Amino acid sequence: MRSDEKDTIKHILQGETHLYAHFIEKYSEAVFSLVSHMINCREDAEEITQDIFLKAFEKLSSFNVDSSFSTWLYRIAYNTTISALRRKPCISVTIAEEILADTDDTLVDETLSNENDELLQRLDRAIALLSPEERALVRLHYLEERSIGETAQITGLKESNVKVKLHRTRKKLYILIKEQKI
């Protein structure tokens, strides 16, 4: 963790609570982006983002200053969003295990690495059909370029589980793009 963030946290915990605005300004856009990718309702995402920063403030004394603040905050964001989603079920597409197993990894990689505009638009529509957990994994690892280890820390999954879920999600996206003609 950067020493300026450590110092800011120390001062906040000593009563200078107005300094918490620094973290809100620095991380609110990224946290909102993660939440809105998991929840497809802007108003709900805004409300949950506020809840996240309130929870983080309330738990700030339990933060380990030798850790990454952003990873800790994302963990709170992920868990808060998943909890909110449990109260409000959402619809996502499921694909049979056999279809996923029979999908060629090379075709998946070739297709998803192509960056033409039509494919990117179809990919966005396919991502919207994923479960909130899958959308979060895609957001964290591919869009924000977080490592497997950091993604595992944020989601509370084991690294091996993150790898498997990302692999299956890539196949699912490929199938949605190719077979469903989104």
N, C-alpha and C. Protein backbone atom coordinates (compact mmCIF):
# COMPACT_ATOMS: atom_id res chain seq x y z
N MET A 1 0.84 -1.18 0.00
CA MET A 1 0.00 0.00 0.00
C MET A 1 0.88 1.24 0.00
N ARG A 2 0.45 2.24 -0.72
CA ARG A 2 1.21 3.49 -0.78
C ARG A 2 1.19 4.18 0.57
N SER A 3 2.31 4.82 0.90
CA SER A 3 2.42 5.44 2.22
C SER A 3 1.44 6.59 2.41
N ASP A 4 1.08 7.30 1.31
CA ASP A 4 0.12 8.40 1.48
C ASP A 4 -1.26 7.86 1.85
N GLU A 5 -1.64 6.67 1.32
CA GLU A 5 -2.92 6.07 1.70
C GLU A 5 -2.86 5.57 3.13
N LYS A 6 -1.72 5.01 3.53
CA LYS A 6 -1.55 4.57 4.93
C LYS A 6 -1.74 5.76 5.87
N ASP A 7 -1.08 6.86 5.54
CA ASP A 7 -1.18 8.06 6.38
C ASP A 7 -2.61 8.57 6.43
N THR A 8 -3.28 8.58 5.29
CA THR A 8 -4.65 9.06 5.24
C THR A 8 -5.54 8.20 6.14
N ILE A 9 -5.38 6.88 6.05
CA ILE A 9 -6.18 5.97 6.88
C ILE A 9 -5.89 6.23 8.36
N LYS A 10 -4.62 6.40 8.69
CA LYS A 10 -4.25 6.67 10.08
C LYS A 10 -4.95 7.93 10.59
N HIS A 11 -4.94 8.99 9.77
CA HIS A 11 -5.58 10.25 10.17
C HIS A 11 -7.10 10.11 10.28
N ILE A 12 -7.69 9.34 9.37
CA ILE A 12 -9.14 9.11 9.44
C ILE A 12 -9.49 8.40 10.75
N LEU A 13 -8.72 7.38 11.07
CA LEU A 13 -8.97 6.62 12.29
C LEU A 13 -8.73 7.44 13.56
N GLN A 14 -7.94 8.51 13.43
CA GLN A 14 -7.70 9.40 14.57
C GLN A 14 -8.74 10.52 14.65
N GLY A 15 -9.75 10.45 13.78
CA GLY A 15 -10.85 11.41 13.88
C GLY A 15 -10.98 12.39 12.73
N GLU A 16 -10.05 12.41 11.81
CA GLU A 16 -10.15 13.33 10.68
C GLU A 16 -10.95 12.66 9.55
N THR A 17 -12.23 12.41 9.85
CA THR A 17 -13.08 11.63 8.96
C THR A 17 -13.32 12.30 7.60
N HIS A 18 -13.16 13.61 7.54
CA HIS A 18 -13.36 14.30 6.26
C HIS A 18 -12.35 13.83 5.20
N LEU A 19 -11.24 13.26 5.62
CA LEU A 19 -10.23 12.76 4.68
C LEU A 19 -10.69 11.53 3.91
N TYR A 20 -11.76 10.89 4.39
CA TYR A 20 -12.29 9.71 3.68
C TYR A 20 -12.77 10.07 2.28
N ALA A 21 -13.07 11.34 2.07
CA ALA A 21 -13.49 11.82 0.75
C ALA A 21 -12.43 11.49 -0.31
N HIS A 22 -11.17 11.45 0.09
CA HIS A 22 -10.09 11.10 -0.84
C HIS A 22 -10.34 9.73 -1.46
N PHE A 23 -10.72 8.75 -0.65
CA PHE A 23 -10.95 7.40 -1.14
C PHE A 23 -12.21 7.33 -2.01
N ILE A 24 -13.21 8.10 -1.62
CA ILE A 24 -14.43 8.13 -2.42
C ILE A 24 -14.13 8.70 -3.79
N GLU A 25 -13.41 9.81 -3.83
CA GLU A 25 -13.06 10.43 -5.11
C GLU A 25 -12.19 9.52 -5.96
N LYS A 26 -11.24 8.86 -5.33
CA LYS A 26 -10.28 8.04 -6.06
C LYS A 26 -10.89 6.74 -6.59
N TYR A 27 -11.77 6.11 -5.83
CA TYR A 27 -12.24 4.77 -6.17
C TYR A 27 -13.71 4.67 -6.56
N SER A 28 -14.48 5.73 -6.43
CA SER A 28 -15.92 5.60 -6.66
C SER A 28 -16.25 5.19 -8.09
N GLU A 29 -15.56 5.72 -9.06
CA GLU A 29 -15.84 5.36 -10.46
C GLU A 29 -15.55 3.89 -10.72
N ALA A 30 -14.44 3.39 -10.22
CA ALA A 30 -14.07 1.98 -10.43
C ALA A 30 -15.04 1.05 -9.70
N VAL A 31 -15.40 1.39 -8.48
CA VAL A 31 -16.34 0.57 -7.71
C VAL A 31 -17.70 0.57 -8.39
N PHE A 32 -18.16 1.73 -8.80
CA PHE A 32 -19.45 1.82 -9.49
C PHE A 32 -19.43 0.99 -10.78
N SER A 33 -18.33 1.03 -11.48
CA SER A 33 -18.20 0.27 -12.72
C SER A 33 -18.33 -1.23 -12.45
N LEU A 34 -17.66 -1.72 -11.42
CA LEU A 34 -17.77 -3.13 -11.07
C LEU A 34 -19.21 -3.48 -10.70
N VAL A 35 -19.81 -2.69 -9.85
CA VAL A 35 -21.17 -2.96 -9.40
C VAL A 35 -22.15 -2.91 -10.57
N SER A 36 -22.03 -1.91 -11.44
CA SER A 36 -22.96 -1.79 -12.56
C SER A 36 -22.78 -2.91 -13.57
N HIS A 37 -21.60 -3.52 -13.63
CA HIS A 37 -21.43 -4.68 -14.50
C HIS A 37 -22.07 -5.93 -13.91
N MET A 38 -22.22 -5.95 -12.62
CA MET A 38 -22.87 -7.08 -11.97
C MET A 38 -24.38 -6.90 -11.92
N ILE A 39 -24.82 -5.65 -11.78
CA ILE A 39 -26.25 -5.32 -11.68
C ILE A 39 -26.60 -4.43 -12.86
N ASN A 40 -27.59 -4.82 -13.59
CA ASN A 40 -27.94 -4.06 -14.80
C ASN A 40 -28.96 -2.96 -14.56
N CYS A 41 -28.91 -2.36 -13.40
CA CYS A 41 -29.82 -1.26 -13.08
C CYS A 41 -28.98 -0.13 -12.46
N ARG A 42 -28.93 0.99 -13.15
CA ARG A 42 -28.08 2.10 -12.72
C ARG A 42 -28.43 2.59 -11.31
N GLU A 43 -29.73 2.73 -11.03
CA GLU A 43 -30.14 3.24 -9.72
C GLU A 43 -29.71 2.30 -8.60
N ASP A 44 -29.90 1.00 -8.82
CA ASP A 44 -29.47 0.02 -7.82
C ASP A 44 -27.95 0.06 -7.66
N ALA A 45 -27.23 0.18 -8.76
CA ALA A 45 -25.76 0.23 -8.71
C ALA A 45 -25.29 1.45 -7.93
N GLU A 46 -25.96 2.58 -8.12
CA GLU A 46 -25.60 3.80 -7.39
C GLU A 46 -25.83 3.61 -5.89
N GLU A 47 -26.96 3.02 -5.55
CA GLU A 47 -27.29 2.81 -4.13
C GLU A 47 -26.31 1.83 -3.49
N ILE A 48 -25.99 0.76 -4.18
CA ILE A 48 -25.07 -0.23 -3.65
C ILE A 48 -23.67 0.37 -3.51
N THR A 49 -23.27 1.19 -4.45
CA THR A 49 -21.96 1.85 -4.38
C THR A 49 -21.87 2.71 -3.12
N GLN A 50 -22.94 3.44 -2.81
CA GLN A 50 -22.97 4.22 -1.58
C GLN A 50 -22.85 3.32 -0.35
N ASP A 51 -23.57 2.21 -0.38
CA ASP A 51 -23.50 1.25 0.74
C ASP A 51 -22.08 0.72 0.92
N ILE A 52 -21.41 0.47 -0.18
CA ILE A 52 -20.05 -0.07 -0.14
C ILE A 52 -19.11 0.90 0.57
N PHE A 53 -19.17 2.16 0.19
CA PHE A 53 -18.28 3.15 0.81
C PHE A 53 -18.63 3.37 2.28
N LEU A 54 -19.89 3.26 2.62
CA LEU A 54 -20.27 3.35 4.03
C LEU A 54 -19.73 2.16 4.81
N LYS A 55 -19.88 0.94 4.26
CA LYS A 55 -19.34 -0.25 4.91
C LYS A 55 -17.83 -0.16 5.07
N ALA A 56 -17.16 0.28 4.01
CA ALA A 56 -15.70 0.39 4.06
C ALA A 56 -15.28 1.38 5.15
N PHE A 57 -16.00 2.48 5.26
CA PHE A 57 -15.70 3.47 6.30
C PHE A 57 -15.88 2.86 7.68
N GLU A 58 -16.99 2.14 7.85
CA GLU A 58 -17.28 1.53 9.15
C GLU A 58 -16.26 0.45 9.52
N LYS A 59 -15.70 -0.22 8.53
CA LYS A 59 -14.74 -1.31 8.77
C LYS A 59 -13.28 -0.87 8.61
N LEU A 60 -13.05 0.40 8.42
CA LEU A 60 -11.70 0.89 8.14
C LEU A 60 -10.70 0.50 9.23
N SER A 61 -11.15 0.43 10.46
CA SER A 61 -10.22 0.07 11.54
C SER A 61 -9.74 -1.38 11.43
N SER A 62 -10.47 -2.21 10.69
CA SER A 62 -10.05 -3.62 10.52
C SER A 62 -9.16 -3.80 9.29
N PHE A 63 -8.94 -2.74 8.53
CA PHE A 63 -8.11 -2.83 7.33
C PHE A 63 -6.64 -3.02 7.71
N ASN A 64 -5.99 -3.97 7.06
CA ASN A 64 -4.56 -4.23 7.27
C ASN A 64 -3.77 -3.30 6.35
N VAL A 65 -3.08 -2.33 6.91
CA VAL A 65 -2.39 -1.31 6.11
C VAL A 65 -1.25 -1.88 5.26
N ASP A 66 -0.88 -3.13 5.47
CA ASP A 66 0.14 -3.75 4.63
C ASP A 66 -0.48 -4.37 3.38
N SER A 67 -1.79 -4.31 3.28
CA SER A 67 -2.50 -4.86 2.12
C SER A 67 -2.83 -3.75 1.13
N SER A 68 -3.41 -4.16 0.01
CA SER A 68 -3.84 -3.21 -1.01
C SER A 68 -5.23 -2.68 -0.65
N PHE A 69 -5.37 -1.37 -0.53
CA PHE A 69 -6.67 -0.79 -0.20
C PHE A 69 -7.68 -1.08 -1.30
N SER A 70 -7.26 -0.96 -2.56
CA SER A 70 -8.21 -1.16 -3.66
C SER A 70 -8.73 -2.60 -3.68
N THR A 71 -7.88 -3.58 -3.41
CA THR A 71 -8.32 -4.98 -3.37
C THR A 71 -9.29 -5.18 -2.22
N TRP A 72 -9.00 -4.62 -1.07
CA TRP A 72 -9.87 -4.71 0.10
C TRP A 72 -11.23 -4.08 -0.21
N LEU A 73 -11.21 -2.91 -0.82
CA LEU A 73 -12.45 -2.21 -1.16
C LEU A 73 -13.25 -3.00 -2.19
N TYR A 74 -12.56 -3.56 -3.20
CA TYR A 74 -13.25 -4.37 -4.21
C TYR A 74 -13.87 -5.61 -3.59
N ARG A 75 -13.22 -6.17 -2.59
CA ARG A 75 -13.77 -7.34 -1.90
C ARG A 75 -15.09 -6.96 -1.23
N ILE A 76 -15.12 -5.82 -0.58
CA ILE A 76 -16.35 -5.32 0.03
C ILE A 76 -17.41 -5.09 -1.05
N ALA A 77 -16.98 -4.49 -2.16
CA ALA A 77 -17.91 -4.21 -3.27
C ALA A 77 -18.50 -5.50 -3.83
N TYR A 78 -17.65 -6.47 -4.06
CA TYR A 78 -18.11 -7.74 -4.62
C TYR A 78 -19.10 -8.41 -3.67
N ASN A 79 -18.73 -8.53 -2.40
CA ASN A 79 -19.61 -9.20 -1.43
C ASN A 79 -20.92 -8.46 -1.22
N THR A 80 -20.87 -7.15 -1.17
CA THR A 80 -22.09 -6.35 -0.99
C THR A 80 -23.02 -6.52 -2.18
N THR A 81 -22.45 -6.54 -3.37
CA THR A 81 -23.26 -6.69 -4.58
C THR A 81 -23.86 -8.08 -4.67
N ILE A 82 -23.07 -9.10 -4.37
CA ILE A 82 -23.59 -10.47 -4.38
C ILE A 82 -24.73 -10.60 -3.36
N SER A 83 -24.57 -10.01 -2.18
CA SER A 83 -25.64 -10.05 -1.16
C SER A 83 -26.91 -9.38 -1.67
N ALA A 84 -26.75 -8.24 -2.33
CA ALA A 84 -27.91 -7.53 -2.88
C ALA A 84 -28.59 -8.37 -3.97
N LEU A 85 -27.80 -9.06 -4.76
CA LEU A 85 -28.37 -9.88 -5.83
C LEU A 85 -29.12 -11.09 -5.28
N ARG A 86 -28.71 -11.59 -4.14
CA ARG A 86 -29.42 -12.72 -3.53
C ARG A 86 -30.84 -12.32 -3.11
N ARG A 87 -30.99 -11.06 -2.77
CA ARG A 87 -32.32 -10.56 -2.38
C ARG A 87 -33.18 -10.27 -3.60
N LYS A 88 -32.54 -10.11 -4.76
CA LYS A 88 -33.26 -9.75 -5.97
C LYS A 88 -32.73 -10.64 -7.11
N PRO A 89 -33.36 -11.79 -7.31
CA PRO A 89 -32.84 -12.73 -8.31
C PRO A 89 -32.81 -12.11 -9.71
N CYS A 90 -31.83 -12.55 -10.49
CA CYS A 90 -31.72 -12.06 -11.86
C CYS A 90 -31.70 -13.25 -12.81
N ILE A 91 -31.94 -12.97 -14.06
CA ILE A 91 -31.99 -14.00 -15.08
C ILE A 91 -30.67 -14.00 -15.84
N SER A 92 -30.08 -15.18 -16.00
CA SER A 92 -28.88 -15.31 -16.81
C SER A 92 -29.00 -16.58 -17.63
N VAL A 93 -28.19 -16.67 -18.65
CA VAL A 93 -28.23 -17.81 -19.56
C VAL A 93 -27.35 -18.93 -19.02
N THR A 94 -27.85 -20.14 -19.07
CA THR A 94 -27.03 -21.30 -18.71
C THR A 94 -26.82 -22.14 -19.96
N ILE A 95 -25.66 -22.77 -20.02
CA ILE A 95 -25.32 -23.61 -21.16
C ILE A 95 -24.91 -24.97 -20.62
N ALA A 96 -25.39 -26.02 -21.25
CA ALA A 96 -25.14 -27.38 -20.79
C ALA A 96 -23.65 -27.69 -20.74
N GLU A 97 -23.27 -28.47 -19.71
CA GLU A 97 -21.87 -28.86 -19.51
C GLU A 97 -21.28 -29.52 -20.75
N GLU A 98 -22.06 -30.36 -21.42
CA GLU A 98 -21.56 -31.08 -22.59
C GLU A 98 -21.18 -30.11 -23.71
N ILE A 99 -21.97 -29.09 -23.88
CA ILE A 99 -21.69 -28.10 -24.93
C ILE A 99 -20.41 -27.35 -24.60
N LEU A 100 -20.26 -26.95 -23.34
CA LEU A 100 -19.04 -26.26 -22.94
C LEU A 100 -17.81 -27.15 -23.13
N ALA A 101 -17.94 -28.41 -22.74
CA ALA A 101 -16.81 -29.35 -22.85
C ALA A 101 -16.43 -29.60 -24.31
N ASP A 102 -17.42 -29.59 -25.19
CA ASP A 102 -17.16 -29.87 -26.61
C ASP A 102 -16.70 -28.65 -27.40
N THR A 103 -16.64 -27.50 -26.78
CA THR A 103 -16.24 -26.27 -27.46
C THR A 103 -14.72 -26.19 -27.52
N ASP A 104 -14.21 -26.02 -28.71
CA ASP A 104 -12.76 -25.99 -28.97
C ASP A 104 -12.13 -24.70 -28.42
N ASP A 105 -11.14 -24.86 -27.54
CA ASP A 105 -10.46 -23.71 -26.93
C ASP A 105 -9.80 -22.81 -27.98
N THR A 106 -9.26 -23.40 -29.02
CA THR A 106 -8.58 -22.61 -30.05
C THR A 106 -9.57 -21.69 -30.76
N LEU A 107 -10.75 -22.21 -31.08
CA LEU A 107 -11.77 -21.39 -31.72
C LEU A 107 -12.22 -20.25 -30.80
N VAL A 108 -12.35 -20.57 -29.52
CA VAL A 108 -12.74 -19.55 -28.53
C VAL A 108 -11.70 -18.43 -28.52
N ASP A 109 -10.42 -18.81 -28.39
CA ASP A 109 -9.35 -17.82 -28.32
C ASP A 109 -9.27 -16.98 -29.60
N GLU A 110 -9.37 -17.61 -30.75
CA GLU A 110 -9.30 -16.88 -32.03
C GLU A 110 -10.46 -15.91 -32.16
N THR A 111 -11.64 -16.36 -31.81
CA THR A 111 -12.83 -15.51 -31.95
C THR A 111 -12.80 -14.33 -30.99
N LEU A 112 -12.50 -14.61 -29.72
CA LEU A 112 -12.55 -13.55 -28.71
C LEU A 112 -11.37 -12.59 -28.80
N SER A 113 -10.31 -12.96 -29.50
CA SER A 113 -9.18 -12.04 -29.64
C SER A 113 -9.37 -11.11 -30.84
N ASN A 114 -10.34 -11.39 -31.67
CA ASN A 114 -10.66 -10.53 -32.82
C ASN A 114 -11.37 -9.28 -32.28
N GLU A 115 -10.91 -8.12 -32.68
CA GLU A 115 -11.46 -6.89 -32.09
C GLU A 115 -12.22 -6.02 -33.09
N ASN A 116 -12.96 -6.63 -34.01
CA ASN A 116 -13.74 -5.78 -34.91
C ASN A 116 -14.97 -5.25 -34.19
N ASP A 117 -15.50 -4.15 -34.69
CA ASP A 117 -16.60 -3.46 -34.01
C ASP A 117 -17.84 -4.33 -33.83
N GLU A 118 -18.20 -5.09 -34.85
CA GLU A 118 -19.39 -5.94 -34.75
C GLU A 118 -19.22 -6.98 -33.65
N LEU A 119 -18.05 -7.62 -33.61
CA LEU A 119 -17.80 -8.63 -32.58
C LEU A 119 -17.83 -8.00 -31.19
N LEU A 120 -17.24 -6.82 -31.04
CA LEU A 120 -17.23 -6.16 -29.73
C LEU A 120 -18.65 -5.83 -29.27
N GLN A 121 -19.51 -5.43 -30.19
CA GLN A 121 -20.91 -5.14 -29.84
C GLN A 121 -21.62 -6.42 -29.43
N ARG A 122 -21.37 -7.51 -30.16
CA ARG A 122 -21.98 -8.80 -29.82
C ARG A 122 -21.44 -9.30 -28.49
N LEU A 123 -20.16 -9.06 -28.24
CA LEU A 123 -19.55 -9.47 -26.98
C LEU A 123 -20.19 -8.72 -25.80
N ASP A 124 -20.42 -7.43 -25.96
CA ASP A 124 -21.11 -6.65 -24.92
C ASP A 124 -22.49 -7.23 -24.62
N ARG A 125 -23.23 -7.58 -25.68
CA ARG A 125 -24.57 -8.15 -25.48
C ARG A 125 -24.48 -9.52 -24.80
N ALA A 126 -23.45 -10.29 -25.16
CA ALA A 126 -23.27 -11.62 -24.55
C ALA A 126 -22.91 -11.48 -23.08
N ILE A 127 -22.05 -10.54 -22.76
CA ILE A 127 -21.65 -10.33 -21.35
C ILE A 127 -22.87 -9.98 -20.50
N ALA A 128 -23.80 -9.23 -21.06
CA ALA A 128 -25.02 -8.86 -20.33
C ALA A 128 -25.86 -10.08 -19.97
N LEU A 129 -25.69 -11.19 -20.69
CA LEU A 129 -26.45 -12.41 -20.44
C LEU A 129 -25.80 -13.33 -19.41
N LEU A 130 -24.59 -12.99 -18.99
CA LEU A 130 -23.87 -13.80 -18.01
C LEU A 130 -24.46 -13.58 -16.62
N SER A 131 -24.14 -14.48 -15.72
CA SER A 131 -24.54 -14.30 -14.32
C SER A 131 -23.73 -13.13 -13.74
N PRO A 132 -24.20 -12.53 -12.66
CA PRO A 132 -23.45 -11.42 -12.05
C PRO A 132 -22.02 -11.82 -11.67
N GLU A 133 -21.86 -13.03 -11.15
CA GLU A 133 -20.51 -13.49 -10.78
C GLU A 133 -19.61 -13.58 -12.01
N GLU A 134 -20.14 -14.12 -13.10
CA GLU A 134 -19.36 -14.23 -14.34
C GLU A 134 -19.01 -12.84 -14.88
N ARG A 135 -19.97 -11.93 -14.83
CA ARG A 135 -19.70 -10.56 -15.31
C ARG A 135 -18.61 -9.91 -14.47
N ALA A 136 -18.64 -10.15 -13.16
CA ALA A 136 -17.62 -9.57 -12.28
C ALA A 136 -16.25 -10.14 -12.61
N LEU A 137 -16.16 -11.43 -12.83
CA LEU A 137 -14.88 -12.05 -13.17
C LEU A 137 -14.33 -11.48 -14.48
N VAL A 138 -15.19 -11.34 -15.47
CA VAL A 138 -14.77 -10.76 -16.76
C VAL A 138 -14.29 -9.33 -16.54
N ARG A 139 -15.05 -8.58 -15.80
CA ARG A 139 -14.70 -7.17 -15.53
C ARG A 139 -13.34 -7.08 -14.82
N LEU A 140 -13.17 -7.82 -13.77
CA LEU A 140 -11.96 -7.72 -12.97
C LEU A 140 -10.72 -8.20 -13.75
N HIS A 141 -10.83 -9.36 -14.37
CA HIS A 141 -9.63 -9.95 -14.98
C HIS A 141 -9.33 -9.39 -16.37
N TYR A 142 -10.33 -9.28 -17.22
CA TYR A 142 -10.06 -8.88 -18.60
C TYR A 142 -10.13 -7.38 -18.82
N LEU A 143 -11.09 -6.73 -18.21
CA LEU A 143 -11.24 -5.30 -18.46
C LEU A 143 -10.35 -4.44 -17.55
N GLU A 144 -10.23 -4.85 -16.28
CA GLU A 144 -9.38 -4.09 -15.36
C GLU A 144 -7.98 -4.68 -15.24
N GLU A 145 -7.78 -5.80 -15.90
CA GLU A 145 -6.49 -6.48 -15.95
C GLU A 145 -5.93 -6.81 -14.56
N ARG A 146 -6.81 -7.25 -13.69
CA ARG A 146 -6.39 -7.71 -12.37
C ARG A 146 -5.85 -9.13 -12.53
N SER A 147 -4.85 -9.47 -11.75
CA SER A 147 -4.26 -10.81 -11.83
C SER A 147 -5.25 -11.86 -11.31
N ILE A 148 -4.95 -13.11 -11.60
CA ILE A 148 -5.78 -14.21 -11.08
C ILE A 148 -5.77 -14.16 -9.55
N GLY A 149 -4.60 -13.91 -8.96
CA GLY A 149 -4.49 -13.85 -7.50
C GLY A 149 -5.33 -12.74 -6.91
N GLU A 150 -5.27 -11.57 -7.52
CA GLU A 150 -6.04 -10.44 -7.01
C GLU A 150 -7.54 -10.67 -7.22
N THR A 151 -7.90 -11.24 -8.36
CA THR A 151 -9.31 -11.56 -8.62
C THR A 151 -9.81 -12.57 -7.59
N ALA A 152 -8.97 -13.54 -7.25
CA ALA A 152 -9.34 -14.53 -6.23
C ALA A 152 -9.54 -13.86 -4.87
N GLN A 153 -8.63 -12.94 -4.53
CA GLN A 153 -8.77 -12.22 -3.25
C GLN A 153 -10.07 -11.45 -3.19
N ILE A 154 -10.41 -10.77 -4.27
CA ILE A 154 -11.61 -9.94 -4.31
C ILE A 154 -12.87 -10.78 -4.20
N THR A 155 -12.91 -11.89 -4.93
CA THR A 155 -14.11 -12.72 -4.99
C THR A 155 -14.21 -13.74 -3.87
N GLY A 156 -13.08 -14.01 -3.20
CA GLY A 156 -13.08 -15.02 -2.15
C GLY A 156 -12.99 -16.44 -2.69
N LEU A 157 -12.69 -16.56 -3.98
CA LEU A 157 -12.53 -17.87 -4.60
C LEU A 157 -11.06 -18.27 -4.55
N LYS A 158 -10.80 -19.55 -4.73
CA LYS A 158 -9.42 -20.01 -4.87
C LYS A 158 -8.94 -19.66 -6.27
N GLU A 159 -7.63 -19.46 -6.43
CA GLU A 159 -7.08 -19.12 -7.74
C GLU A 159 -7.46 -20.15 -8.79
N SER A 160 -7.39 -21.43 -8.44
CA SER A 160 -7.73 -22.48 -9.40
C SER A 160 -9.20 -22.38 -9.82
N ASN A 161 -10.06 -21.99 -8.89
CA ASN A 161 -11.48 -21.83 -9.19
C ASN A 161 -11.70 -20.63 -10.12
N VAL A 162 -10.97 -19.55 -9.88
CA VAL A 162 -11.07 -18.38 -10.76
C VAL A 162 -10.67 -18.76 -12.18
N LYS A 163 -9.57 -19.50 -12.32
CA LYS A 163 -9.11 -19.93 -13.65
C LYS A 163 -10.16 -20.77 -14.36
N VAL A 164 -10.73 -21.71 -13.64
CA VAL A 164 -11.75 -22.58 -14.24
C VAL A 164 -12.98 -21.76 -14.64
N LYS A 165 -13.43 -20.89 -13.75
CA LYS A 165 -14.62 -20.08 -14.05
C LYS A 165 -14.37 -19.13 -15.24
N LEU A 166 -13.19 -18.54 -15.31
CA LEU A 166 -12.87 -17.67 -16.45
C LEU A 166 -12.83 -18.47 -17.74
N HIS A 167 -12.25 -19.66 -17.69
CA HIS A 167 -12.17 -20.51 -18.87
C HIS A 167 -13.57 -20.88 -19.36
N ARG A 168 -14.43 -21.28 -18.43
CA ARG A 168 -15.81 -21.65 -18.78
C ARG A 168 -16.60 -20.43 -19.27
N THR A 169 -16.35 -19.28 -18.68
CA THR A 169 -17.06 -18.07 -19.09
C THR A 169 -16.65 -17.66 -20.50
N ARG A 170 -15.37 -17.79 -20.83
CA ARG A 170 -14.92 -17.50 -22.21
C ARG A 170 -15.62 -18.42 -23.21
N LYS A 171 -15.74 -19.69 -22.87
CA LYS A 171 -16.44 -20.63 -23.75
C LYS A 171 -17.91 -20.24 -23.88
N LYS A 172 -18.50 -19.87 -22.77
CA LYS A 172 -19.90 -19.47 -22.76
C LYS A 172 -20.11 -18.24 -23.66
N LEU A 173 -19.21 -17.27 -23.56
CA LEU A 173 -19.30 -16.08 -24.41
C LEU A 173 -19.18 -16.45 -25.88
N TYR A 174 -18.25 -17.33 -26.18
CA TYR A 174 -18.07 -17.77 -27.57
C TYR A 174 -19.36 -18.41 -28.08
N ILE A 175 -19.94 -19.30 -27.29
CA ILE A 175 -21.17 -19.97 -27.70
C ILE A 175 -22.30 -18.97 -27.90
N LEU A 176 -22.42 -18.03 -26.97
CA LEU A 176 -23.47 -17.01 -27.09
C LEU A 176 -23.30 -16.18 -28.36
N ILE A 177 -22.06 -15.84 -28.67
CA ILE A 177 -21.78 -15.04 -29.87
C ILE A 177 -22.03 -15.84 -31.15
N LYS A 178 -21.50 -17.05 -31.18
CA LYS A 178 -21.55 -17.85 -32.41
C LYS A 178 -22.89 -18.56 -32.61
N GLU A 179 -23.37 -19.22 -31.59
CA GLU A 179 -24.55 -20.07 -31.74
C GLU A 179 -25.86 -19.32 -31.57
N GLN A 180 -25.87 -18.37 -30.69
CA GLN A 180 -27.10 -17.66 -30.41
C GLN A 180 -27.33 -16.46 -31.33
N LYS A 181 -26.32 -16.11 -32.07
CA LYS A 181 -26.40 -14.99 -33.04
C LYS A 181 -26.94 -13.72 -32.38
N ILE A 182 -26.28 -13.35 -31.32
CA ILE A 182 -26.68 -12.16 -30.56
C ILE A 182 -26.48 -10.93 -31.41
